[in-house]
Amino acid sequence: MPLIRIEAAEDKASGKFYVEIYKPHDAPAPFVTTQPRYQSAAAAENDVIAILAAAASSAQED
């Protein structure tokens, strides 16, 4: 069962994408929303994955 849900969405005003993270995965509203700064949905999703991977990696080193 997924614990979180990550979605990229387009900001209509700027044309850039932002990320919404839902916790728990079926929450009706996002737990975290980023600023619209990504050029594509794929770039937004890849950045979130990289951030989560870096955080998980550094947590294992401690």
N, C-alpha and C. Protein backbone atom coordinates (compact mmCIF):
# COMPACT_ATOMS: atom_id res chain seq x y z
N MET A 1 0.85 -1.18 0.00
CA MET A 1 0.00 0.00 0.00
C MET A 1 0.89 1.25 0.00
N PRO A 2 0.64 2.17 -0.93
CA PRO A 2 1.45 3.38 -0.99
C PRO A 2 1.23 4.28 0.23
N LEU A 3 2.31 4.90 0.66
CA LEU A 3 2.23 5.80 1.81
C LEU A 3 2.03 7.24 1.38
N ILE A 4 2.62 7.60 0.22
CA ILE A 4 2.46 8.95 -0.31
C ILE A 4 2.12 8.87 -1.78
N ARG A 5 1.63 9.98 -2.30
CA ARG A 5 1.35 10.09 -3.74
C ARG A 5 1.99 11.39 -4.21
N ILE A 6 2.71 11.34 -5.31
CA ILE A 6 3.37 12.51 -5.87
C ILE A 6 2.75 12.79 -7.23
N GLU A 7 2.31 14.03 -7.43
CA GLU A 7 1.72 14.42 -8.70
C GLU A 7 2.33 15.74 -9.17
N ALA A 8 2.61 15.83 -10.44
CA ALA A 8 3.04 17.08 -11.05
C ALA A 8 1.82 17.73 -11.69
N ALA A 9 1.72 19.05 -11.56
CA ALA A 9 0.61 19.78 -12.15
C ALA A 9 1.14 21.06 -12.77
N GLU A 10 0.43 21.53 -13.78
CA GLU A 10 0.87 22.74 -14.48
C GLU A 10 0.20 23.97 -13.89
N ASP A 11 1.00 24.99 -13.65
CA ASP A 11 0.49 26.29 -13.23
C ASP A 11 0.07 27.03 -14.50
N LYS A 12 -1.19 27.29 -14.65
CA LYS A 12 -1.70 27.89 -15.89
C LYS A 12 -1.14 29.29 -16.11
N ALA A 13 -0.89 30.04 -15.04
CA ALA A 13 -0.40 31.41 -15.18
C ALA A 13 1.01 31.47 -15.75
N SER A 14 1.89 30.58 -15.28
CA SER A 14 3.29 30.64 -15.70
C SER A 14 3.65 29.60 -16.76
N GLY A 15 2.83 28.56 -16.88
CA GLY A 15 3.15 27.47 -17.80
C GLY A 15 4.17 26.49 -17.25
N LYS A 16 4.62 26.73 -16.02
CA LYS A 16 5.59 25.83 -15.39
C LYS A 16 4.85 24.81 -14.52
N PHE A 17 5.60 23.80 -14.11
CA PHE A 17 5.01 22.71 -13.34
C PHE A 17 5.43 22.79 -11.87
N TYR A 18 4.58 22.29 -11.01
CA TYR A 18 4.87 22.18 -9.59
C TYR A 18 4.52 20.77 -9.14
N VAL A 19 4.93 20.43 -7.93
CA VAL A 19 4.69 19.09 -7.40
C VAL A 19 3.77 19.18 -6.20
N GLU A 20 2.85 18.25 -6.13
CA GLU A 20 2.00 18.08 -4.96
C GLU A 20 2.30 16.71 -4.36
N ILE A 21 2.51 16.68 -3.06
CA ILE A 21 2.75 15.41 -2.36
C ILE A 21 1.59 15.20 -1.39
N TYR A 22 0.96 14.06 -1.52
CA TYR A 22 -0.20 13.72 -0.69
C TYR A 22 0.21 12.70 0.35
N LYS A 23 -0.13 12.95 1.59
CA LYS A 23 0.15 12.02 2.69
C LYS A 23 -1.06 12.01 3.61
N PRO A 24 -1.72 10.90 3.74
CA PRO A 24 -1.52 9.60 3.07
C PRO A 24 -1.86 9.71 1.58
N HIS A 25 -1.59 8.68 0.85
CA HIS A 25 -1.74 8.71 -0.61
C HIS A 25 -3.14 9.07 -1.07
N ASP A 26 -4.13 8.79 -0.26
CA ASP A 26 -5.51 9.06 -0.67
C ASP A 26 -6.09 10.33 -0.02
N ALA A 27 -5.23 11.19 0.49
CA ALA A 27 -5.70 12.44 1.10
C ALA A 27 -6.36 13.32 0.03
N PRO A 28 -7.38 14.06 0.40
CA PRO A 28 -8.06 14.91 -0.58
C PRO A 28 -7.28 16.16 -0.98
N ALA A 29 -6.36 16.59 -0.12
CA ALA A 29 -5.57 17.80 -0.40
C ALA A 29 -4.09 17.49 -0.19
N PRO A 30 -3.21 18.18 -0.90
CA PRO A 30 -1.78 17.90 -0.76
C PRO A 30 -1.23 18.30 0.61
N PHE A 31 -0.26 17.53 1.06
CA PHE A 31 0.47 17.79 2.31
C PHE A 31 1.54 18.85 2.05
N VAL A 32 2.16 18.78 0.85
CA VAL A 32 3.20 19.72 0.43
C VAL A 32 2.95 20.09 -1.02
N THR A 33 3.13 21.37 -1.34
CA THR A 33 3.06 21.85 -2.72
C THR A 33 4.27 22.74 -2.97
N THR A 34 5.01 22.48 -4.04
CA THR A 34 6.18 23.29 -4.37
C THR A 34 5.75 24.52 -5.18
N GLN A 35 6.69 25.40 -5.37
CA GLN A 35 6.48 26.53 -6.27
C GLN A 35 6.55 26.02 -7.71
N PRO A 36 5.84 26.66 -8.65
CA PRO A 36 5.94 26.25 -10.05
C PRO A 36 7.29 26.69 -10.63
N ARG A 37 8.23 25.76 -10.76
CA ARG A 37 9.57 26.12 -11.24
C ARG A 37 10.13 25.13 -12.25
N TYR A 38 9.38 24.13 -12.58
CA TYR A 38 9.87 23.09 -13.49
C TYR A 38 9.33 23.30 -14.90
N GLN A 39 10.15 22.95 -15.89
CA GLN A 39 9.76 23.13 -17.29
C GLN A 39 8.83 22.02 -17.79
N SER A 40 8.83 20.88 -17.10
CA SER A 40 7.97 19.77 -17.52
C SER A 40 7.56 18.95 -16.30
N ALA A 41 6.52 18.16 -16.48
CA ALA A 41 6.07 17.27 -15.41
C ALA A 41 7.15 16.25 -15.08
N ALA A 42 7.84 15.75 -16.11
CA ALA A 42 8.90 14.77 -15.88
C ALA A 42 10.04 15.37 -15.07
N ALA A 43 10.41 16.60 -15.34
CA ALA A 43 11.48 17.26 -14.58
C ALA A 43 11.07 17.42 -13.13
N ALA A 44 9.83 17.77 -12.89
CA ALA A 44 9.33 17.92 -11.52
C ALA A 44 9.39 16.60 -10.77
N GLU A 45 8.90 15.55 -11.39
CA GLU A 45 8.89 14.23 -10.75
C GLU A 45 10.30 13.71 -10.51
N ASN A 46 11.19 13.90 -11.48
CA ASN A 46 12.58 13.44 -11.32
C ASN A 46 13.28 14.18 -10.19
N ASP A 47 13.00 15.47 -10.03
CA ASP A 47 13.62 16.23 -8.96
C ASP A 47 13.16 15.72 -7.60
N VAL A 48 11.89 15.44 -7.46
CA VAL A 48 11.37 14.91 -6.19
C VAL A 48 12.00 13.56 -5.88
N ILE A 49 12.11 12.71 -6.87
CA ILE A 49 12.73 11.40 -6.66
C ILE A 49 14.18 11.56 -6.24
N ALA A 50 14.90 12.48 -6.87
CA ALA A 50 16.30 12.71 -6.50
C ALA A 50 16.42 13.24 -5.08
N ILE A 51 15.54 14.14 -4.68
CA ILE A 51 15.55 14.69 -3.32
C ILE A 51 15.28 13.58 -2.30
N LEU A 52 14.27 12.76 -2.57
CA LEU A 52 13.94 11.67 -1.65
C LEU A 52 15.08 10.65 -1.58
N ALA A 53 15.69 10.33 -2.71
CA ALA A 53 16.80 9.37 -2.73
C ALA A 53 18.00 9.91 -1.96
N ALA A 54 18.30 11.20 -2.13
CA ALA A 54 19.43 11.80 -1.41
C ALA A 54 19.17 11.81 0.10
N ALA A 55 17.93 12.13 0.48
CA ALA A 55 17.60 12.14 1.91
C ALA A 55 17.67 10.74 2.50
N ALA A 56 17.19 9.75 1.76
CA ALA A 56 17.25 8.37 2.26
C ALA A 56 18.69 7.89 2.35
N SER A 57 19.50 8.27 1.39
CA SER A 57 20.90 7.87 1.38
C SER A 57 21.66 8.49 2.55
N SER A 58 21.44 9.77 2.80
CA SER A 58 22.15 10.43 3.91
C SER A 58 21.64 9.94 5.26
N ALA A 59 20.40 9.53 5.35
CA ALA A 59 19.86 9.02 6.61
C ALA A 59 20.50 7.67 6.96
N GLN A 60 20.86 6.88 5.97
CA GLN A 60 21.49 5.59 6.21
C GLN A 60 22.93 5.74 6.67
N GLU A 61 23.57 6.86 6.31
CA GLU A 61 24.97 7.09 6.68
C GLU A 61 25.11 7.50 8.15
N ASP A 62 24.07 8.09 8.72
CA ASP A 62 24.14 8.59 10.10
C ASP A 62 24.15 7.48 11.14
